[in-house]
Amino acid sequence: MEKKEIKRSHKRIGSTANPLQKVCAVCGRNFTVPRWRPNAKYCSARCQHISLRAENNLTCPCCGKMFHRKQSHIKRFKGNQGFYCSKECAKMGMRERMSGENNHQYGLRGRLMHLSKNVN
């Protein structure tokens, strides 16, 4: 019986006695943690998830909205048509880029126009 008593009292003392006061790195809320978690930074799993999000680093040329892309993605596709926040903005950008003289079929007439339509 004594061993069970010792284990119970040890559990109580180890987990709840003298909790540490911390301030959440994301929301600034005060929270308490057990002594065995001195490196705790966040008050909840939600705040921890928010901290993992990257900051917005690009601006959509179509609508002006800020959004995020990985640096590796930016390096890989930097010579292409730009970065857009959504498919709708990408479609509008394509429409602008492919209008008039920028279109590869602009100015084709007669037989050439007929051949280019059959290719697609």
PDB file of N, CA and C in Angstrom:
ATOM      1  N   MET A   1       0.810  -1.205   0.000  1.00  0.00           N
ATOM      2  CA  MET A   1       0.000   0.000   0.000  1.00  0.00           C
ATOM      3  C   MET A   1       0.849   1.262   0.000  1.00  0.00           C
ATOM      4  N   GLU A   2       1.986   1.202   0.642  1.00  0.00           N
ATOM      5  CA  GLU A   2       2.822   2.387   0.730  1.00  0.00           C
ATOM      6  C   GLU A   2       3.343   2.810  -0.637  1.00  0.00           C
ATOM      7  N   LYS A   3       3.719   1.848  -1.483  1.00  0.00           N
ATOM      8  CA  LYS A   3       4.256   2.166  -2.808  1.00  0.00           C
ATOM      9  C   LYS A   3       3.222   2.909  -3.651  1.00  0.00           C
ATOM     10  N   LYS A   4       1.960   2.486  -3.578  1.00  0.00           N
ATOM     11  CA  LYS A   4       0.905   3.167  -4.325  1.00  0.00           C
ATOM     12  C   LYS A   4       0.731   4.597  -3.843  1.00  0.00           C
ATOM     13  N   GLU A   5       0.796   4.771  -2.552  1.00  0.00           N
ATOM     14  CA  GLU A   5       0.665   6.123  -1.981  1.00  0.00           C
ATOM     15  C   GLU A   5       1.797   7.020  -2.466  1.00  0.00           C
ATOM     16  N   ILE A   6       3.008   6.482  -2.474  1.00  0.00           N
ATOM     17  CA  ILE A   6       4.174   7.266  -2.912  1.00  0.00           C
ATOM     18  C   ILE A   6       4.025   7.643  -4.381  1.00  0.00           C
ATOM     19  N   LYS A   7       3.612   6.689  -5.217  1.00  0.00           N
ATOM     20  CA  LYS A   7       3.442   6.972  -6.641  1.00  0.00           C
ATOM     21  C   LYS A   7       2.387   8.052  -6.860  1.00  0.00           C
ATOM     22  N   ARG A   8       1.277   7.969  -6.168  1.00  0.00           N
ATOM     23  CA  ARG A   8       0.215   8.967  -6.320  1.00  0.00           C
ATOM     24  C   ARG A   8       0.697  10.346  -5.897  1.00  0.00           C
ATOM     25  N   SER A   9       1.372  10.409  -4.772  1.00  0.00           N
ATOM     26  CA  SER A   9       1.823  11.716  -4.305  1.00  0.00           C
ATOM     27  C   SER A   9       2.894  12.282  -5.234  1.00  0.00           C
ATOM     28  N   HIS A  10       3.742  11.419  -5.771  1.00  0.00           N
ATOM     29  CA  HIS A  10       4.773  11.865  -6.702  1.00  0.00           C
ATOM     30  C   HIS A  10       4.135  12.426  -7.979  1.00  0.00           C
ATOM     31  N   LYS A  11       3.114  11.753  -8.485  1.00  0.00           N
ATOM     32  CA  LYS A  11       2.405  12.235  -9.670  1.00  0.00           C
ATOM     33  C   LYS A  11       1.802  13.604  -9.414  1.00  0.00           C
ATOM     34  N   ARG A  12       1.169  13.761  -8.276  1.00  0.00           N
ATOM     35  CA  ARG A  12       0.534  15.034  -7.953  1.00  0.00           C
ATOM     36  C   ARG A  12       1.565  16.154  -7.876  1.00  0.00           C
ATOM     37  N   ILE A  13       2.664  15.905  -7.214  1.00  0.00           N
ATOM     38  CA  ILE A  13       3.674  16.944  -7.028  1.00  0.00           C
ATOM     39  C   ILE A  13       4.372  17.253  -8.348  1.00  0.00           C
ATOM     40  N   GLY A  14       4.692  16.226  -9.122  1.00  0.00           N
ATOM     41  CA  GLY A  14       5.430  16.436 -10.365  1.00  0.00           C
ATOM     42  C   GLY A  14       4.653  17.161 -11.434  1.00  0.00           C
ATOM     43  N   SER A  15       3.342  17.017 -11.478  1.00  0.00           N
ATOM     44  CA  SER A  15       2.584  17.569 -12.597  1.00  0.00           C
ATOM     45  C   SER A  15       1.913  18.905 -12.292  1.00  0.00           C
ATOM     46  N   THR A  16       1.493  19.122 -11.052  1.00  0.00           N
ATOM     47  CA  THR A  16       0.713  20.340 -10.797  1.00  0.00           C
ATOM     48  C   THR A  16       1.366  21.308  -9.830  1.00  0.00           C
ATOM     49  N   ALA A  17       2.365  20.880  -9.113  1.00  0.00           N
ATOM     50  CA  ALA A  17       2.965  21.778  -8.123  1.00  0.00           C
ATOM     51  C   ALA A  17       3.840  22.812  -8.822  1.00  0.00           C
ATOM     52  N   ASN A  18       3.710  24.060  -8.428  1.00  0.00           N
ATOM     53  CA  ASN A  18       4.513  25.166  -8.952  1.00  0.00           C
ATOM     54  C   ASN A  18       4.500  25.264 -10.480  1.00  0.00           C
ATOM     55  N   PRO A  19       3.351  25.473 -11.103  1.00  0.00           N
ATOM     56  CA  PRO A  19       3.333  25.607 -12.564  1.00  0.00           C
ATOM     57  C   PRO A  19       4.030  26.900 -12.988  1.00  0.00           C
ATOM     58  N   LEU A  20       4.558  26.891 -14.194  1.00  0.00           N
ATOM     59  CA  LEU A  20       5.238  28.058 -14.741  1.00  0.00           C
ATOM     60  C   LEU A  20       4.242  28.977 -15.436  1.00  0.00           C
ATOM     61  N   GLN A  21       4.415  30.264 -15.301  1.00  0.00           N
ATOM     62  CA  GLN A  21       3.595  31.248 -16.005  1.00  0.00           C
ATOM     63  C   GLN A  21       4.319  31.630 -17.300  1.00  0.00           C
ATOM     64  N   LYS A  22       3.618  31.563 -18.411  1.00  0.00           N
ATOM     65  CA  LYS A  22       4.191  31.886 -19.722  1.00  0.00           C
ATOM     66  C   LYS A  22       3.279  32.855 -20.449  1.00  0.00           C
ATOM     67  N   VAL A  23       3.816  33.489 -21.486  1.00  0.00           N
ATOM     68  CA  VAL A  23       3.043  34.368 -22.362  1.00  0.00           C
ATOM     69  C   VAL A  23       3.116  33.770 -23.763  1.00  0.00           C
ATOM     70  N   CYS A  24       1.966  33.608 -24.396  1.00  0.00           N
ATOM     71  CA  CYS A  24       1.895  33.005 -25.730  1.00  0.00           C
ATOM     72  C   CYS A  24       2.608  33.906 -26.739  1.00  0.00           C
ATOM     73  N   ALA A  25       3.453  33.299 -27.577  1.00  0.00           N
ATOM     74  CA  ALA A  25       4.221  34.048 -28.566  1.00  0.00           C
ATOM     75  C   ALA A  25       3.356  34.561 -29.719  1.00  0.00           C
ATOM     76  N   VAL A  26       2.157  34.004 -29.897  1.00  0.00           N
ATOM     77  CA  VAL A  26       1.299  34.410 -31.007  1.00  0.00           C
ATOM     78  C   VAL A  26       0.242  35.417 -30.565  1.00  0.00           C
ATOM     79  N   CYS A  27      -0.538  35.058 -29.544  1.00  0.00           N
ATOM     80  CA  CYS A  27      -1.671  35.907 -29.160  1.00  0.00           C
ATOM     81  C   CYS A  27      -1.389  36.765 -27.930  1.00  0.00           C
ATOM     82  N   GLY A  28      -0.310  36.500 -27.216  1.00  0.00           N
ATOM     83  CA  GLY A  28       0.028  37.305 -26.052  1.00  0.00           C
ATOM     84  C   GLY A  28      -0.733  36.954 -24.786  1.00  0.00           C
ATOM     85  N   ARG A  29      -1.501  35.883 -24.793  1.00  0.00           N
ATOM     86  CA  ARG A  29      -2.291  35.465 -23.636  1.00  0.00           C
ATOM     87  C   ARG A  29      -1.395  34.791 -22.598  1.00  0.00           C
ATOM     88  N   ASN A  30      -1.669  35.010 -21.319  1.00  0.00           N
ATOM     89  CA  ASN A  30      -0.948  34.331 -20.245  1.00  0.00           C
ATOM     90  C   ASN A  30      -1.499  32.919 -20.089  1.00  0.00           C
ATOM     91  N   PHE A  31      -0.602  31.956 -19.858  1.00  0.00           N
ATOM     92  CA  PHE A  31      -1.026  30.576 -19.634  1.00  0.00           C
ATOM     93  C   PHE A  31      -0.026  29.894 -18.695  1.00  0.00           C
ATOM     94  N   THR A  32      -0.447  28.790 -18.113  1.00  0.00           N
ATOM     95  CA  THR A  32       0.417  28.053 -17.188  1.00  0.00           C
ATOM     96  C   THR A  32       0.774  26.701 -17.773  1.00  0.00           C
ATOM     97  N   VAL A  33       1.980  26.264 -17.484  1.00  0.00           N
ATOM     98  CA  VAL A  33       2.449  24.946 -17.930  1.00  0.00           C
ATOM     99  C   VAL A  33       3.137  24.261 -16.761  1.00  0.00           C
ATOM    100  N   PRO A  34       3.189  22.930 -16.779  1.00  0.00           N
ATOM    101  CA  PRO A  34       3.915  22.222 -15.722  1.00  0.00           C
ATOM    102  C   PRO A  34       5.412  22.554 -15.785  1.00  0.00           C
ATOM    103  N   ARG A  35       6.096  22.346 -14.702  1.00  0.00           N
ATOM    104  CA  ARG A  35       7.522  22.649 -14.613  1.00  0.00           C
ATOM    105  C   ARG A  35       8.352  21.872 -15.638  1.00  0.00           C
ATOM    106  N   TRP A  36       7.894  20.697 -16.026  1.00  0.00           N
ATOM    107  CA  TRP A  36       8.666  19.884 -16.959  1.00  0.00           C
ATOM    108  C   TRP A  36       8.553  20.370 -18.404  1.00  0.00           C
ATOM    109  N   ARG A  37       7.791  21.463 -18.642  1.00  0.00           N
ATOM    110  CA  ARG A  37       7.690  22.051 -19.990  1.00  0.00           C
ATOM    111  C   ARG A  37       8.188  23.500 -19.984  1.00  0.00           C
ATOM    112  N   PRO A  38       9.441  23.730 -19.650  1.00  0.00           N
ATOM    113  CA  PRO A  38       9.914  25.110 -19.559  1.00  0.00           C
ATOM    114  C   PRO A  38      10.053  25.802 -20.917  1.00  0.00           C
ATOM    115  N   ASN A  39      10.090  25.051 -22.006  1.00  0.00           N
ATOM    116  CA  ASN A  39      10.272  25.646 -23.333  1.00  0.00           C
ATOM    117  C   ASN A  39       8.966  25.902 -24.065  1.00  0.00           C
ATOM    118  N   ALA A  40       7.834  25.762 -23.401  1.00  0.00           N
ATOM    119  CA  ALA A  40       6.530  25.971 -24.045  1.00  0.00           C
ATOM    120  C   ALA A  40       6.421  27.415 -24.524  1.00  0.00           C
ATOM    121  N   LYS A  41       5.923  27.606 -25.757  1.00  0.00           N
ATOM    122  CA  LYS A  41       5.806  28.947 -26.332  1.00  0.00           C
ATOM    123  C   LYS A  41       4.368  29.349 -26.636  1.00  0.00           C
ATOM    124  N   TYR A  42       3.480  28.370 -26.773  1.00  0.00           N
ATOM    125  CA  TYR A  42       2.134  28.651 -27.255  1.00  0.00           C
ATOM    126  C   TYR A  42       1.089  28.174 -26.255  1.00  0.00           C
ATOM    127  N   CYS A  43      -0.027  28.904 -26.184  1.00  0.00           N
ATOM    128  CA  CYS A  43      -1.078  28.570 -25.225  1.00  0.00           C
ATOM    129  C   CYS A  43      -1.983  27.447 -25.718  1.00  0.00           C
ATOM    130  N   SER A  44      -1.991  27.179 -27.029  1.00  0.00           N
ATOM    131  CA  SER A  44      -2.885  26.161 -27.580  1.00  0.00           C
ATOM    132  C   SER A  44      -2.311  25.599 -28.874  1.00  0.00           C
ATOM    133  N   ALA A  45      -2.910  24.530 -29.336  1.00  0.00           N
ATOM    134  CA  ALA A  45      -2.502  23.936 -30.610  1.00  0.00           C
ATOM    135  C   ALA A  45      -2.822  24.886 -31.763  1.00  0.00           C
ATOM    136  N   ARG A  46      -3.892  25.660 -31.624  1.00  0.00           N
ATOM    137  CA  ARG A  46      -4.271  26.626 -32.657  1.00  0.00           C
ATOM    138  C   ARG A  46      -3.186  27.684 -32.833  1.00  0.00           C
ATOM    139  N   CYS A  47      -2.685  28.232 -31.713  1.00  0.00           N
ATOM    140  CA  CYS A  47      -1.620  29.230 -31.789  1.00  0.00           C
ATOM    141  C   CYS A  47      -0.333  28.629 -32.358  1.00  0.00           C
ATOM    142  N   GLN A  48      -0.067  27.382 -32.030  1.00  0.00           N
ATOM    143  CA  GLN A  48       1.118  26.726 -32.570  1.00  0.00           C
ATOM    144  C   GLN A  48       0.989  26.577 -34.082  1.00  0.00           C
ATOM    145  N   HIS A  49      -0.188  26.221 -34.559  1.00  0.00           N
ATOM    146  CA  HIS A  49      -0.422  26.081 -35.994  1.00  0.00           C
ATOM    147  C   HIS A  49      -0.277  27.432 -36.701  1.00  0.00           C
ATOM    148  N   ILE A  50      -0.806  28.482 -36.090  1.00  0.00           N
ATOM    149  CA  ILE A  50      -0.696  29.818 -36.675  1.00  0.00           C
ATOM    150  C   ILE A  50       0.766  30.226 -36.810  1.00  0.00           C
ATOM    151  N   SER A  51       1.587  29.855 -35.836  1.00  0.00           N
ATOM    152  CA  SER A  51       2.999  30.229 -35.883  1.00  0.00           C
ATOM    153  C   SER A  51       3.740  29.544 -37.025  1.00  0.00           C
ATOM    154  N   LEU A  52       3.239  28.414 -37.501  1.00  0.00           N
ATOM    155  CA  LEU A  52       3.894  27.698 -38.587  1.00  0.00           C
ATOM    156  C   LEU A  52       3.599  28.304 -39.949  1.00  0.00           C
ATOM    157  N   ARG A  53       2.588  29.129 -40.032  1.00  0.00           N
ATOM    158  CA  ARG A  53       2.255  29.758 -41.312  1.00  0.00           C
ATOM    159  C   ARG A  53       3.341  30.750 -41.705  1.00  0.00           C
ATOM    160  N   ALA A  54       3.615  30.795 -42.966  1.00  0.00           N
ATOM    161  CA  ALA A  54       4.620  31.738 -43.458  1.00  0.00           C
ATOM    162  C   ALA A  54       3.965  33.080 -43.749  1.00  0.00           C
ATOM    163  N   GLU A  55       4.767  34.112 -43.779  1.00  0.00           N
ATOM    164  CA  GLU A  55       4.208  35.433 -44.045  1.00  0.00           C
ATOM    165  C   GLU A  55       4.026  35.632 -45.545  1.00  0.00           C
ATOM    166  N   ASN A  56       3.123  36.510 -45.887  1.00  0.00           N
ATOM    167  CA  ASN A  56       2.846  36.795 -47.285  1.00  0.00           C
ATOM    168  C   ASN A  56       4.042  37.522 -47.892  1.00  0.00           C
ATOM    169  N   ASN A  57       4.508  37.034 -49.054  1.00  0.00           N
ATOM    170  CA  ASN A  57       5.697  37.615 -49.642  1.00  0.00           C
ATOM    171  C   ASN A  57       5.515  38.089 -51.081  1.00  0.00           C
ATOM    172  N   LEU A  58       4.341  37.925 -51.662  1.00  0.00           N
ATOM    173  CA  LEU A  58       4.089  38.365 -53.035  1.00  0.00           C
ATOM    174  C   LEU A  58       2.784  39.147 -53.112  1.00  0.00           C
ATOM    175  N   THR A  59       2.678  39.965 -54.132  1.00  0.00           N
ATOM    176  CA  THR A  59       1.459  40.718 -54.385  1.00  0.00           C
ATOM    177  C   THR A  59       0.908  40.296 -55.742  1.00  0.00           C
ATOM    178  N   CYS A  60      -0.364  40.012 -55.788  1.00  0.00           N
ATOM    179  CA  CYS A  60      -1.008  39.600 -57.039  1.00  0.00           C
ATOM    180  C   CYS A  60      -1.052  40.799 -57.985  1.00  0.00           C
ATOM    181  N   PRO A  61      -0.536  40.663 -59.219  1.00  0.00           N
ATOM    182  CA  PRO A  61      -0.548  41.787 -60.157  1.00  0.00           C
ATOM    183  C   PRO A  61      -1.954  42.134 -60.654  1.00  0.00           C
ATOM    184  N   CYS A  62      -2.884  41.220 -60.485  1.00  0.00           N
ATOM    185  CA  CYS A  62      -4.240  41.439 -60.980  1.00  0.00           C
ATOM    186  C   CYS A  62      -5.109  42.186 -59.968  1.00  0.00           C
ATOM    187  N   CYS A  63      -5.175  41.674 -58.721  1.00  0.00           N
ATOM    188  CA  CYS A  63      -6.082  42.268 -57.736  1.00  0.00           C
ATOM    189  C   CYS A  63      -5.352  42.994 -56.600  1.00  0.00           C
ATOM    190  N   GLY A  64      -4.041  42.823 -56.480  1.00  0.00           N
ATOM    191  CA  GLY A  64      -3.284  43.515 -55.444  1.00  0.00           C
ATOM    192  C   GLY A  64      -3.268  42.824 -54.090  1.00  0.00           C
ATOM    193  N   LYS A  65      -3.825  41.626 -54.002  1.00  0.00           N
ATOM    194  CA  LYS A  65      -3.880  40.895 -52.739  1.00  0.00           C
ATOM    195  C   LYS A  65      -2.498  40.304 -52.419  1.00  0.00           C
ATOM    196  N   MET A  66      -2.145  40.314 -51.123  1.00  0.00           N
ATOM    197  CA  MET A  66      -0.890  39.705 -50.675  1.00  0.00           C
ATOM    198  C   MET A  66      -1.112  38.198 -50.483  1.00  0.00           C
ATOM    199  N   PHE A  67      -0.119  37.385 -50.877  1.00  0.00           N
ATOM    200  CA  PHE A  67      -0.215  35.940 -50.699  1.00  0.00           C
ATOM    201  C   PHE A  67       1.177  35.358 -50.570  1.00  0.00           C
ATOM    202  N   HIS A  68       1.261  34.056 -50.268  1.00  0.00           N
ATOM    203  CA  HIS A  68       2.541  33.410 -49.993  1.00  0.00           C
ATOM    204  C   HIS A  68       2.906  32.382 -51.060  1.00  0.00           C
ATOM    205  N   ARG A  69       4.170  32.364 -51.428  1.00  0.00           N
ATOM    206  CA  ARG A  69       4.759  31.304 -52.234  1.00  0.00           C
ATOM    207  C   ARG A  69       6.117  30.975 -51.637  1.00  0.00           C
ATOM    208  N   LYS A  70       6.516  29.711 -51.695  1.00  0.00           N
ATOM    209  CA  LYS A  70       7.828  29.309 -51.205  1.00  0.00           C
ATOM    210  C   LYS A  70       8.923  29.946 -52.062  1.00  0.00           C
ATOM    211  N   GLN A  71      10.060  30.230 -51.424  1.00  0.00           N
ATOM    212  CA  GLN A  71      11.182  30.814 -52.158  1.00  0.00           C
ATOM    213  C   GLN A  71      11.655  29.875 -53.257  1.00  0.00           C
ATOM    214  N   SER A  72      11.654  28.570 -53.004  1.00  0.00           N
ATOM    215  CA  SER A  72      12.088  27.617 -54.027  1.00  0.00           C
ATOM    216  C   SER A  72      11.162  27.667 -55.233  1.00  0.00           C
ATOM    217  N   HIS A  73       9.871  27.887 -54.997  1.00  0.00           N
ATOM    218  CA  HIS A  73       8.903  27.991 -56.091  1.00  0.00           C
ATOM    219  C   HIS A  73       9.138  29.273 -56.886  1.00  0.00           C
ATOM    220  N   ILE A  74       9.451  30.349 -56.187  1.00  0.00           N
ATOM    221  CA  ILE A  74       9.710  31.621 -56.854  1.00  0.00           C
ATOM    222  C   ILE A  74      10.956  31.515 -57.722  1.00  0.00           C
ATOM    223  N   LYS A  75      12.025  30.919 -57.200  1.00  0.00           N
ATOM    224  CA  LYS A  75      13.258  30.757 -57.973  1.00  0.00           C
ATOM    225  C   LYS A  75      13.031  29.890 -59.200  1.00  0.00           C
ATOM    226  N   ARG A  76      12.288  28.809 -59.019  1.00  0.00           N
ATOM    227  CA  ARG A  76      12.091  27.855 -60.105  1.00  0.00           C
ATOM    228  C   ARG A  76      11.276  28.437 -61.255  1.00  0.00           C
ATOM    229  N   PHE A  77      10.270  29.243 -60.930  1.00  0.00           N
ATOM    230  CA  PHE A  77       9.350  29.730 -61.957  1.00  0.00           C
ATOM    231  C   PHE A  77       9.449  31.234 -62.189  1.00  0.00           C
ATOM    232  N   LYS A  78      10.581  31.868 -61.845  1.00  0.00           N
ATOM    233  CA  LYS A  78      10.681  33.324 -61.928  1.00  0.00           C
ATOM    234  C   LYS A  78      10.610  33.854 -63.354  1.00  0.00           C
ATOM    235  N   GLY A  79      11.006  33.073 -64.346  1.00  0.00           N
ATOM    236  CA  GLY A  79      10.980  33.548 -65.717  1.00  0.00           C
ATOM    237  C   GLY A  79       9.629  33.367 -66.392  1.00  0.00           C
ATOM    238  N   ASN A  80       8.698  32.753 -65.731  1.00  0.00           N
ATOM    239  CA  ASN A  80       7.386  32.487 -66.333  1.00  0.00           C
ATOM    240  C   ASN A  80       6.491  33.715 -66.275  1.00  0.00           C
ATOM    241  N   GLN A  81       5.208  33.496 -66.293  1.00  0.00           N
ATOM    242  CA  GLN A  81       4.243  34.575 -66.469  1.00  0.00           C
ATOM    243  C   GLN A  81       3.874  35.313 -65.200  1.00  0.00           C
ATOM    244  N   GLY A  82       4.531  35.096 -64.110  1.00  0.00           N
ATOM    245  CA  GLY A  82       4.188  35.790 -62.875  1.00  0.00           C
ATOM    246  C   GLY A  82       3.425  34.891 -61.930  1.00  0.00           C
ATOM    247  N   PHE A  83       3.139  35.431 -60.750  1.00  0.00           N
ATOM    248  CA  PHE A  83       2.449  34.666 -59.718  1.00  0.00           C
ATOM    249  C   PHE A  83       1.133  35.344 -59.385  1.00  0.00           C
ATOM    250  N   TYR A  84       0.078  34.563 -59.313  1.00  0.00           N
ATOM    251  CA  TYR A  84      -1.251  35.085 -59.025  1.00  0.00           C
ATOM    252  C   TYR A  84      -1.800  34.408 -57.778  1.00  0.00           C
ATOM    253  N   CYS A  85      -2.721  35.086 -57.098  1.00  0.00           N
ATOM    254  CA  CYS A  85      -3.261  34.574 -55.838  1.00  0.00           C
ATOM    255  C   CYS A  85      -4.311  33.486 -56.051  1.00  0.00           C
ATOM    256  N   SER A  86      -4.941  33.448 -57.210  1.00  0.00           N
ATOM    257  CA  SER A  86      -6.002  32.461 -57.449  1.00  0.00           C
ATOM    258  C   SER A  86      -6.064  32.107 -58.933  1.00  0.00           C
ATOM    259  N   LYS A  87      -6.846  31.087 -59.247  1.00  0.00           N
ATOM    260  CA  LYS A  87      -7.013  30.690 -60.641  1.00  0.00           C
ATOM    261  C   LYS A  87      -7.728  31.761 -61.448  1.00  0.00           C
ATOM    262  N   GLU A  88      -8.690  32.434 -60.800  1.00  0.00           N
ATOM    263  CA  GLU A  88      -9.432  33.492 -61.491  1.00  0.00           C
ATOM    264  C   GLU A  88      -8.489  34.621 -61.915  1.00  0.00           C
ATOM    265  N   CYS A  89      -7.600  35.027 -61.004  1.00  0.00           N
ATOM    266  CA  CYS A  89      -6.641  36.089 -61.341  1.00  0.00           C
ATOM    267  C   CYS A  89      -5.655  35.610 -62.401  1.00  0.00           C
ATOM    268  N   ALA A  90      -5.257  34.342 -62.349  1.00  0.00           N
ATOM    269  CA  ALA A  90      -4.348  33.801 -63.358  1.00  0.00           C
ATOM    270  C   ALA A  90      -5.009  33.806 -64.734  1.00  0.00           C
ATOM    271  N   LYS A  91      -6.307  33.489 -64.779  1.00  0.00           N
ATOM    272  CA  LYS A  91      -7.029  33.523 -66.057  1.00  0.00           C
ATOM    273  C   LYS A  91      -7.108  34.944 -66.600  1.00  0.00           C
ATOM    274  N   MET A  92      -7.382  35.899 -65.723  1.00  0.00           N
ATOM    275  CA  MET A  92      -7.453  37.291 -66.164  1.00  0.00           C
ATOM    276  C   MET A  92      -6.088  37.776 -66.655  1.00  0.00           C
ATOM    277  N   GLY A  93      -5.021  37.359 -65.970  1.00  0.00           N
ATOM    278  CA  GLY A  93      -3.672  37.721 -66.400  1.00  0.00           C
ATOM    279  C   GLY A  93      -3.331  37.123 -67.745  1.00  0.00           C
ATOM    280  N   MET A  94      -3.715  35.880 -67.952  1.00  0.00           N
ATOM    281  CA  MET A  94      -3.480  35.214 -69.244  1.00  0.00           C
ATOM    282  C   MET A  94      -4.252  35.913 -70.353  1.00  0.00           C
ATOM    283  N   ARG A  95      -5.478  36.303 -70.052  1.00  0.00           N
ATOM    284  CA  ARG A  95      -6.301  37.006 -71.030  1.00  0.00           C
ATOM    285  C   ARG A  95      -5.626  38.314 -71.455  1.00  0.00           C
ATOM    286  N   GLU A  96      -5.056  39.036 -70.473  1.00  0.00           N
ATOM    287  CA  GLU A  96      -4.370  40.296 -70.787  1.00  0.00           C
ATOM    288  C   GLU A  96      -3.085  40.036 -71.569  1.00  0.00           C
ATOM    289  N   ARG A  97      -2.323  39.019 -71.160  1.00  0.00           N
ATOM    290  CA  ARG A  97      -1.051  38.732 -71.825  1.00  0.00           C
ATOM    291  C   ARG A  97      -1.237  38.244 -73.250  1.00  0.00           C
ATOM    292  N   MET A  98      -2.320  37.554 -73.515  1.00  0.00           N
ATOM    293  CA  MET A  98      -2.520  36.955 -74.831  1.00  0.00           C
ATOM    294  C   MET A  98      -3.411  37.789 -75.750  1.00  0.00           C
ATOM    295  N   SER A  99      -3.675  39.031 -75.389  1.00  0.00           N
ATOM    296  CA  SER A  99      -4.538  39.846 -76.237  1.00  0.00           C
ATOM    297  C   SER A  99      -3.703  40.670 -77.220  1.00  0.00           C
ATOM    298  N   GLY A 100      -4.260  40.880 -78.381  1.00  0.00           N
ATOM    299  CA  GLY A 100      -3.625  41.729 -79.383  1.00  0.00           C
ATOM    300  C   GLY A 100      -2.311  41.175 -79.907  1.00  0.00           C
ATOM    301  N   GLU A 101      -1.295  42.020 -79.992  1.00  0.00           N
ATOM    302  CA  GLU A 101      -0.018  41.633 -80.583  1.00  0.00           C
ATOM    303  C   GLU A 101       0.747  40.608 -79.752  1.00  0.00           C
ATOM    304  N   ASN A 102       0.403  40.433 -78.513  1.00  0.00           N
ATOM    305  CA  ASN A 102       1.080  39.444 -77.677  1.00  0.00           C
ATOM    306  C   ASN A 102       0.650  38.019 -77.995  1.00  0.00           C
ATOM    307  N   ASN A 103      -0.454  37.859 -78.697  1.00  0.00           N
ATOM    308  CA  ASN A 103      -0.954  36.542 -79.046  1.00  0.00           C
ATOM    309  C   ASN A 103      -0.121  35.967 -80.186  1.00  0.00           C
ATOM    310  N   HIS A 104       0.233  34.688 -80.083  1.00  0.00           N
ATOM    311  CA  HIS A 104       1.063  34.059 -81.107  1.00  0.00           C
ATOM    312  C   HIS A 104       0.329  33.900 -82.440  1.00  0.00           C
ATOM    313  N   GLN A 105      -0.994  34.018 -82.440  1.00  0.00           N
ATOM    314  CA  GLN A 105      -1.761  33.902 -83.681  1.00  0.00           C
ATOM    315  C   GLN A 105      -2.158  35.261 -84.252  1.00  0.00           C
ATOM    316  N   TYR A 106      -1.729  36.326 -83.598  1.00  0.00           N
ATOM    317  CA  TYR A 106      -2.100  37.667 -84.044  1.00  0.00           C
ATOM    318  C   TYR A 106      -1.512  37.928 -85.431  1.00  0.00           C
ATOM    319  N   GLY A 107      -2.356  38.353 -86.349  1.00  0.00           N
ATOM    320  CA  GLY A 107      -1.902  38.714 -87.690  1.00  0.00           C
ATOM    321  C   GLY A 107      -1.884  37.576 -88.682  1.00  0.00           C
ATOM    322  N   LEU A 108      -2.191  36.365 -88.276  1.00  0.00           N
ATOM    323  CA  LEU A 108      -2.206  35.255 -89.226  1.00  0.00           C
ATOM    324  C   LEU A 108      -3.440  35.380 -90.107  1.00  0.00           C
ATOM    325  N   ARG A 109      -3.242  35.127 -91.405  1.00  0.00           N
ATOM    326  CA  ARG A 109      -4.367  35.233 -92.341  1.00  0.00           C
ATOM    327  C   ARG A 109      -4.320  34.087 -93.330  1.00  0.00           C
ATOM    328  N   GLY A 110      -5.434  33.814 -93.902  1.00  0.00           N
ATOM    329  CA  GLY A 110      -5.532  32.850 -94.986  1.00  0.00           C
ATOM    330  C   GLY A 110      -5.129  31.445 -94.583  1.00  0.00           C
ATOM    331  N   ARG A 111      -4.250  30.856 -95.389  1.00  0.00           N
ATOM    332  CA  ARG A 111      -3.855  29.468 -95.195  1.00  0.00           C
ATOM    333  C   ARG A 111      -3.180  29.247 -93.833  1.00  0.00           C
ATOM    334  N   LEU A 112      -2.348  30.183 -93.375  1.00  0.00           N
ATOM    335  CA  LEU A 112      -1.668  30.042 -92.087  1.00  0.00           C
ATOM    336  C   LEU A 112      -2.677  29.990 -90.936  1.00  0.00           C
ATOM    337  N   MET A 113      -3.705  30.814 -91.002  1.00  0.00           N
ATOM    338  CA  MET A 113      -4.714  30.820 -89.955  1.00  0.00           C
ATOM    339  C   MET A 113      -5.450  29.478 -89.919  1.00  0.00           C
ATOM    340  N   HIS A 114      -5.722  28.941 -91.092  1.00  0.00           N
ATOM    341  CA  HIS A 114      -6.416  27.659 -91.193  1.00  0.00           C
ATOM    342  C   HIS A 114      -5.549  26.544 -90.588  1.00  0.00           C
ATOM    343  N   LEU A 115      -4.240  26.543 -90.863  1.00  0.00           N
ATOM    344  CA  LEU A 115      -3.351  25.513 -90.326  1.00  0.00           C
ATOM    345  C   LEU A 115      -3.227  25.608 -88.809  1.00  0.00           C
ATOM    346  N   SER A 116      -3.171  26.815 -88.278  1.00  0.00           N
ATOM    347  CA  SER A 116      -3.012  26.966 -86.831  1.00  0.00           C
ATOM    348  C   SER A 116      -4.257  26.497 -86.084  1.00  0.00           C
ATOM    349  N   LYS A 117      -5.432  26.604 -86.664  1.00  0.00           N
ATOM    350  CA  LYS A 117      -6.655  26.133 -86.007  1.00  0.00           C
ATOM    351  C   LYS A 117      -6.699  24.610 -85.977  1.00  0.00           C
ATOM    352  N   ASN A 118      -6.154  23.950 -86.991  1.00  0.00           N
ATOM    353  CA  ASN A 118      -6.161  22.485 -87.028  1.00  0.00           C
ATOM    354  C   ASN A 118      -5.181  21.882 -86.025  1.00  0.00           C
ATOM    355  N   VAL A 119      -4.159  22.599 -85.667  1.00  0.00           N
ATOM    356  CA  VAL A 119      -3.165  22.089 -84.729  1.00  0.00           C
ATOM    357  C   VAL A 119      -3.793  21.911 -83.350  1.00  0.00           C
ATOM    358  N   ASN A 120      -4.628  22.841 -82.921  1.00  0.00           N
ATOM    359  CA  ASN A 120      -5.258  22.778 -81.603  1.00  0.00           C
ATOM    360  C   ASN A 120      -6.353  21.802 -81.669  1.00  0.00           C
TER     361      ASN A 120
END
